[in-house]
Every structure is written in C-alpha cells, then in structure tokens.
Amino acid sequence: VVTGIPGQGKTTFVNDIACRVAEKHNWTVAIASFEQHPQADHRRALREWYLERPLQHCLPQDLERADKWIDEHFVFIVPSEDDFANLEWTLDKCATAVIRYGARVVIIDPWNELDHDRPPDMSLTEYTGKAIKAFKGLARRLDVHVIVVAHPTKLTSGEIPRDRKSTRLNSSHTAES
C-alpha cells in the first residue's frame, strides 16, 4: 500500500516503479483506475516518463513510439458508467488482466474511488483487512505484484497530518540518540 500527504507524488512514484519494471524486465503492468479520465492521465504520464521530456517538446513520431511501448507494456482497467466497481469487480478484472495479458504488476489507483460496499455490520477496519487479504490472495494465487494507492482526504490549510508530526519527532529523536 502506498499512501501519504496529498499532492506529494504517490501516483508519480508508483508510475515510475511501473515504468522501470516494464522497461527493465519487459513486464506488463495492469492499472486499475477509477478517476475521471484515467487512460488519458496515465498515458500522458507514461509518455513523459518514456520520452524523458514534457509532451509539448515531442514530435508526433516520438508520441507514436511512446504509445507503442505503452500498448506493449500496460493494460488499463477502467469501469464503465454502468459497472459497480467494488472490491469483487476489481479483483475479477485484475485476475483477467493477469491471465489474459500476462500482467506481472497490478496497480489499484486510487483505492478511495472504488465503490466500497461494506456491509453495515462490518467495521471499516474489518473491511480494510478483508480487502488486504483479498489482494494478498490474488498476488499469491497468480504470482503477481499488487500495489494499492490510497489517497487521503485533502488537508485543510495549515494542517499537519498526525503521522507527519510523529515522523518529525522520531527523526529528531533518532538524530539526538
């Protein structure tokens, strides 16, 4: 699970990992995305990673070369308007990407945008534990790496997350030791 402060590059970090394993090991990566325009956003980021420069500085033939590389190494899992993209739907589509396209890495980004249909008698902690077990089971069963990106809610102005405060305290305490 990858998480952190909003706007600090979680998706960029995970995209970098995906691109590096695609390039170095010739792996296929499945990206399950539940945001507005995931294919366009991810394709733009993947093109820039592959071409090592902003798209406005690329020629049409550069974009074609990047798109060919993306099409060879990436599969996008995107729900339609009619899909109920809950945990079970996501696991099924990820398994299909592994079996059909040979994906070696599956990325769920963002976790927060899934249709979470937690039963009323199940706590959030229990539901999260169930989901983690399900993703671990998928990883073991299909011998695939699973990365889940969890985007926390936006911070209010001036707010420092509790875990960031404790990191600062731990860092300063370690430096003094």
Protein backbone atom coordinates (compact mmCIF):
# COMPACT_ATOMS: atom_id res chain seq x y z
CA VAL A 1 0.00 0.00 0.00
CA VAL A 2 1.32 3.41 -0.98
CA THR A 3 -0.11 6.41 0.83
CA GLY A 4 0.99 9.83 2.00
CA ILE A 5 0.24 13.50 2.16
CA PRO A 6 -1.99 14.79 -0.68
CA GLY A 7 -0.11 16.18 -3.66
CA GLN A 8 3.24 14.65 -2.76
CA GLY A 9 3.56 12.30 -5.76
CA LYS A 10 2.13 8.91 -4.80
CA THR A 11 0.85 8.19 -8.30
CA THR A 12 4.03 9.56 -9.88
CA PHE A 13 6.11 7.30 -7.63
CA VAL A 14 4.02 4.23 -8.49
CA ASN A 15 4.08 5.10 -12.22
CA ASP A 16 7.88 5.31 -12.01
CA ILE A 17 8.04 1.81 -10.48
CA ALA A 18 5.69 0.50 -13.18
CA CYS A 19 7.72 2.04 -15.99
CA ARG A 20 11.01 0.77 -14.58
CA VAL A 21 9.81 -2.85 -14.31
CA ALA A 22 8.24 -2.63 -17.77
CA GLU A 23 11.49 -1.35 -19.24
CA LYS A 24 14.00 -3.44 -17.28
CA HIS A 25 12.09 -6.75 -17.13
CA ASN A 26 9.77 -6.37 -20.14
CA TRP A 27 6.77 -6.86 -17.81
CA THR A 28 3.16 -5.98 -18.44
CA VAL A 29 1.52 -3.74 -15.85
CA ALA A 30 -2.24 -3.51 -15.30
CA ILE A 31 -3.50 -0.19 -13.97
CA ALA A 32 -6.98 -0.18 -12.43
CA SER A 33 -8.02 3.43 -12.18
CA PHE A 34 -11.30 4.86 -11.01
CA GLU A 35 -10.85 8.58 -11.58
CA GLN A 36 -12.31 10.84 -14.29
CA HIS A 37 -10.01 10.27 -17.29
CA PRO A 38 -7.51 7.64 -16.18
CA GLN A 39 -6.37 6.47 -19.58
CA ALA A 40 -5.57 9.98 -20.78
CA ASP A 41 -3.90 10.98 -17.50
CA HIS A 42 -1.88 7.78 -17.17
CA ARG A 43 -0.96 7.75 -20.87
CA ARG A 44 0.32 11.33 -20.61
CA ALA A 45 2.44 10.47 -17.56
CA LEU A 46 3.73 7.24 -19.13
CA ARG A 47 4.60 9.03 -22.38
CA GLU A 48 6.56 11.68 -20.49
CA TRP A 49 8.40 9.01 -18.49
CA TYR A 50 9.29 7.03 -21.61
CA LEU A 51 10.31 10.06 -23.67
CA GLU A 52 12.03 11.76 -20.72
CA ARG A 53 10.55 15.16 -21.51
CA PRO A 54 7.25 17.09 -21.45
CA LEU A 55 4.86 16.25 -24.26
CA GLN A 56 4.92 19.78 -25.69
CA HIS A 57 8.57 19.10 -26.65
CA CYS A 58 7.78 15.88 -28.51
CA LEU A 59 7.32 15.22 -32.20
CA PRO A 60 4.41 13.11 -33.47
CA GLN A 61 6.77 10.19 -34.20
CA ASP A 62 8.02 10.35 -30.57
CA LEU A 63 4.44 10.05 -29.34
CA GLU A 64 3.83 7.11 -31.67
CA ARG A 65 6.93 5.35 -30.33
CA ALA A 66 5.84 6.01 -26.74
CA ASP A 67 2.29 4.80 -27.45
CA LYS A 68 3.66 1.60 -28.98
CA TRP A 69 5.71 0.98 -25.82
CA ILE A 70 2.70 1.74 -23.60
CA ASP A 71 0.43 -0.56 -25.61
CA GLU A 72 3.00 -3.37 -25.30
CA HIS A 73 3.51 -2.98 -21.54
CA PHE A 74 0.33 -1.53 -19.99
CA VAL A 75 -3.27 -2.64 -19.65
CA PHE A 76 -5.89 -0.25 -18.32
CA ILE A 77 -8.79 -1.45 -16.21
CA VAL A 78 -11.45 1.21 -16.33
CA PRO A 79 -15.06 0.72 -15.23
CA SER A 80 -17.84 1.89 -17.48
CA GLU A 81 -20.61 4.12 -16.19
CA ASP A 82 -22.75 1.02 -15.61
CA ASP A 83 -20.14 -1.02 -13.70
CA PHE A 84 -20.34 -1.33 -9.95
CA ALA A 85 -16.57 -1.24 -9.41
CA ASN A 86 -16.40 -2.73 -5.94
CA LEU A 87 -13.72 -4.98 -4.45
CA GLU A 88 -15.00 -8.15 -6.14
CA TRP A 89 -15.29 -6.45 -9.55
CA THR A 90 -11.76 -5.08 -9.20
CA LEU A 91 -10.29 -8.45 -8.17
CA ASP A 92 -12.02 -10.13 -11.12
CA LYS A 93 -10.75 -7.55 -13.64
CA CYS A 94 -7.23 -7.71 -12.18
CA ALA A 95 -7.22 -11.52 -12.43
CA THR A 96 -8.38 -11.23 -16.04
CA ALA A 97 -5.53 -8.82 -16.83
CA VAL A 98 -3.02 -11.23 -15.32
CA ILE A 99 -4.39 -14.28 -17.15
CA ARG A 100 -5.27 -12.68 -20.49
CA TYR A 101 -2.43 -10.16 -20.85
CA GLY A 102 0.29 -11.63 -18.65
CA ALA A 103 0.39 -8.70 -16.24
CA ARG A 104 3.08 -9.13 -13.58
CA VAL A 105 2.13 -5.99 -11.65
CA VAL A 106 -1.36 -4.77 -10.80
CA ILE A 107 -1.89 -1.20 -9.59
CA ILE A 108 -5.10 -0.03 -7.91
CA ASP A 109 -5.09 3.77 -8.05
CA PRO A 110 -6.87 5.24 -6.22
CA TRP A 111 -8.29 2.86 -3.65
CA ASN A 112 -10.60 5.61 -2.39
CA GLU A 113 -12.57 5.71 -5.66
CA LEU A 114 -13.70 2.07 -5.60
CA ASP A 115 -17.37 1.50 -4.87
CA HIS A 116 -16.94 0.29 -1.31
CA ASP A 117 -19.97 -1.78 -0.40
CA ARG A 118 -19.03 -2.57 3.17
CA PRO A 119 -21.75 -4.49 4.97
CA PRO A 120 -23.40 -2.45 7.74
CA ASP A 121 -22.31 -4.95 10.41
CA MET A 122 -18.62 -4.77 9.33
CA SER A 123 -16.32 -2.07 10.69
CA LEU A 124 -14.08 -0.09 8.37
CA THR A 125 -11.07 -1.83 9.93
CA GLU A 126 -12.61 -5.27 9.27
CA TYR A 127 -13.48 -4.30 5.69
CA THR A 128 -9.98 -2.97 5.03
CA GLY A 129 -8.50 -6.15 6.48
CA LYS A 130 -10.76 -8.24 4.23
CA ALA A 131 -9.66 -6.22 1.18
CA ILE A 132 -5.97 -6.55 2.05
CA LYS A 133 -6.38 -10.32 2.45
CA ALA A 134 -8.17 -10.50 -0.90
CA PHE A 135 -5.39 -8.58 -2.68
CA LYS A 136 -2.73 -10.72 -0.99
CA GLY A 137 -4.63 -13.83 -2.08
CA LEU A 138 -4.72 -12.56 -5.67
CA ALA A 139 -0.99 -11.86 -5.51
CA ARG A 140 -0.18 -15.34 -4.19
CA ARG A 141 -2.57 -17.24 -6.43
CA LEU A 142 -1.46 -15.55 -9.65
CA ASP A 143 2.16 -14.73 -8.73
CA VAL A 144 1.66 -11.02 -9.35
CA HIS A 145 2.75 -7.87 -7.53
CA VAL A 146 -0.16 -5.78 -6.25
CA ILE A 147 0.21 -2.09 -5.42
CA VAL A 148 -2.71 -0.21 -3.86
CA VAL A 149 -2.52 3.58 -3.83
CA ALA A 150 -4.62 5.15 -1.07
CA HIS A 151 -5.17 8.88 -1.40
CA PRO A 152 -6.11 10.53 1.90
CA THR A 153 -8.66 13.31 2.01
CA LYS A 154 -7.46 16.82 1.30
CA LEU A 155 -5.89 18.65 4.23
CA THR A 156 -7.23 21.95 5.47
CA SER A 157 -4.93 24.95 5.29
CA GLY A 158 -2.07 24.68 7.77
CA GLU A 159 -2.99 21.17 8.91
CA ILE A 160 -0.15 18.72 9.51
CA PRO A 161 -1.20 15.08 9.49
CA ARG A 162 -0.65 13.24 12.77
CA ASP A 163 1.74 10.71 11.20
CA ARG A 164 3.85 13.54 9.75
CA LYS A 165 4.20 15.07 13.24
CA SER A 166 5.33 11.73 14.67
CA THR A 167 7.81 11.29 11.80
CA ARG A 168 9.35 14.64 12.68
CA LEU A 169 9.54 13.68 16.34
CA ASN A 170 11.03 10.30 15.55
CA SER A 171 13.55 11.84 13.16
CA SER A 172 14.72 14.42 15.69
CA HIS A 173 14.79 11.82 18.45
CA THR A 174 16.90 9.50 16.28
CA ALA A 175 19.30 12.32 15.45
CA GLU A 176 19.83 13.03 19.15
CA SER A 177 20.38 9.39 20.07
